[in-house]
């Protein structure tokens, strides 16, 4: 697969940890990961945003691994936050998980399905 990061010179530069666009060519597999929620495999929801965010990224990682992929294959991530006050913590925890991977990204402040959930993250990966 050929992957190219696109950050057009005549548009705003990304403000950390993502690319304005990711172009993929000659890929074999395209994986759409449904919104991952902060619920563990034993149906528990942790207290606090940081623990919920780390659990969501573990859930994304589990889906990637089940498909034979990794975080390096992520090309688009959309995060839904229940409260804009979690923006900084979200960015820090996302950066912990992604490291140097910079997919295209959106963050939306939204009312989330279950009031206990403080975020939900969906993703697209390609290989």
Protein backbone atom coordinates (compact mmCIF):
# COMPACT_ATOMS: atom_id res chain seq x y z
CA UNK A 1 0.00 0.00 0.00
CA UNK A 2 1.16 3.49 -0.78
CA UNK A 3 0.38 6.08 1.93
CA UNK A 4 0.96 9.81 1.61
CA UNK A 5 0.33 12.52 4.18
CA UNK A 6 -1.21 15.64 2.65
CA UNK A 7 -0.93 19.05 4.32
CA UNK A 8 -1.69 21.63 1.63
CA UNK A 9 0.46 24.76 1.84
CA UNK A 10 -2.51 27.04 1.08
CA UNK A 11 -4.61 25.68 4.00
CA UNK A 12 -4.13 25.81 7.77
CA UNK A 13 -1.38 23.57 9.13
CA UNK A 14 -2.47 20.75 11.45
CA UNK A 15 -2.31 21.75 15.08
CA UNK A 16 -0.72 18.60 16.45
CA UNK A 17 -0.81 14.85 16.06
CA UNK A 18 -2.74 14.54 12.83
CA UNK A 19 -2.63 15.16 9.09
CA UNK A 20 -5.03 17.35 7.13
CA UNK A 21 -5.47 14.43 4.73
CA UNK A 22 -4.09 10.95 4.11
CA UNK A 23 -3.96 9.58 0.57
CA UNK A 24 -3.83 5.81 0.13
CA UNK A 25 -3.28 3.87 -3.07
CA UNK A 26 -2.87 0.22 -3.91
CA UNK A 27 -4.38 -1.00 -0.64
CA UNK A 28 -5.69 -4.52 -0.10
CA UNK A 29 -7.79 -4.06 3.01
CA UNK A 30 -10.02 -1.25 4.22
CA UNK A 31 -11.35 -1.56 7.79
CA UNK A 32 -14.18 0.57 9.19
CA UNK A 33 -14.21 0.50 13.00
CA UNK A 34 -17.55 1.42 14.53
CA UNK A 35 -17.63 3.92 17.36
CA UNK A 36 -15.72 2.35 20.22
CA UNK A 37 -17.10 3.15 23.65
CA UNK A 38 -15.55 3.12 27.13
CA UNK A 39 -16.94 -0.27 28.10
CA UNK A 40 -14.69 -3.19 29.03
CA UNK A 41 -15.19 -6.77 27.89
CA UNK A 42 -16.76 -7.47 31.32
CA UNK A 43 -19.27 -4.64 30.70
CA UNK A 44 -17.74 -2.10 33.10
CA UNK A 45 -17.44 1.66 32.46
CA UNK A 46 -14.48 3.25 34.26
CA UNK A 47 -14.80 6.50 36.20
CA UNK A 48 -13.06 9.55 34.82
CA UNK A 49 -12.18 10.71 31.34
CA UNK A 50 -8.56 9.49 31.25
CA UNK A 51 -9.47 5.89 32.13
CA UNK A 52 -12.35 5.93 29.65
CA UNK A 53 -10.14 7.30 26.87
CA UNK A 54 -7.43 4.69 27.46
CA UNK A 55 -10.08 1.95 27.39
CA UNK A 56 -11.52 3.26 24.11
CA UNK A 57 -8.05 3.16 22.52
CA UNK A 58 -7.52 -0.39 23.85
CA UNK A 59 -10.86 -1.34 22.25
CA UNK A 60 -9.75 0.20 18.94
CA UNK A 61 -6.46 -1.66 19.20
CA UNK A 62 -8.37 -4.92 19.79
CA UNK A 63 -10.41 -4.38 16.61
CA UNK A 64 -7.28 -3.58 14.61
CA UNK A 65 -5.48 -6.69 15.88
CA UNK A 66 -8.52 -8.88 15.19
CA UNK A 67 -8.31 -7.70 11.57
CA UNK A 68 -4.55 -8.33 11.38
CA UNK A 69 -3.79 -4.60 11.47
CA UNK A 70 -2.17 -2.08 13.80
CA UNK A 71 -2.38 1.60 14.71
CA UNK A 72 0.11 2.29 11.91
CA UNK A 73 -2.72 1.43 9.48
CA UNK A 74 -5.11 4.12 10.78
CA UNK A 75 -5.96 6.68 8.10
CA UNK A 76 -8.97 8.49 9.67
CA UNK A 77 -10.10 8.91 13.27
CA UNK A 78 -13.24 10.68 14.49
CA UNK A 79 -13.62 11.39 18.20
CA UNK A 80 -16.89 12.40 19.80
CA UNK A 81 -16.44 14.17 23.17
CA UNK A 82 -19.29 14.70 25.61
CA UNK A 83 -17.60 17.84 26.99
CA UNK A 84 -15.15 20.24 25.35
CA UNK A 85 -13.26 20.45 28.66
CA UNK A 86 -11.81 17.02 27.87
CA UNK A 87 -10.10 18.27 24.71
CA UNK A 88 -6.59 18.55 26.16
CA UNK A 89 -6.72 15.21 27.99
CA UNK A 90 -8.12 13.61 24.82
CA UNK A 91 -5.21 14.95 22.75
CA UNK A 92 -2.63 13.74 25.30
CA UNK A 93 -4.05 10.22 25.59
CA UNK A 94 -4.54 9.93 21.82
CA UNK A 95 -0.89 10.96 21.35
CA UNK A 96 0.21 8.33 23.90
CA UNK A 97 -1.52 5.67 21.83
CA UNK A 98 -0.73 6.90 18.32
CA UNK A 99 2.87 7.97 18.89
CA UNK A 100 4.16 9.12 15.50
CA UNK A 101 1.09 7.92 13.54
CA UNK A 102 -0.77 10.96 12.16
CA UNK A 103 -4.09 9.96 10.56
CA UNK A 104 -6.63 12.46 9.28
CA UNK A 105 -8.73 13.43 12.27
CA UNK A 106 -11.90 15.14 13.47
CA UNK A 107 -13.09 15.91 17.00
CA UNK A 108 -16.77 16.63 17.55
CA UNK A 109 -18.44 17.82 20.74
CA UNK A 110 -21.67 15.82 20.93
CA UNK A 111 -24.29 14.34 23.15
CA UNK A 112 -23.25 10.69 23.42
CA UNK A 113 -25.71 7.76 23.56
CA UNK A 114 -25.09 6.80 27.21
CA UNK A 115 -24.57 9.64 29.70
CA UNK A 116 -21.85 7.61 31.51
CA UNK A 117 -19.69 7.60 28.37
CA UNK A 118 -17.48 10.66 28.04
CA UNK A 119 -16.25 9.84 24.53
CA UNK A 120 -16.65 7.56 21.54
CA UNK A 121 -14.07 7.04 18.78
CA UNK A 122 -14.54 5.59 15.29
CA UNK A 123 -11.75 4.89 12.85
CA UNK A 124 -10.81 3.78 9.36
CA UNK A 125 -7.68 1.75 8.67
CA UNK A 126 -6.11 0.64 5.39
CA UNK A 127 -3.43 -1.88 4.55
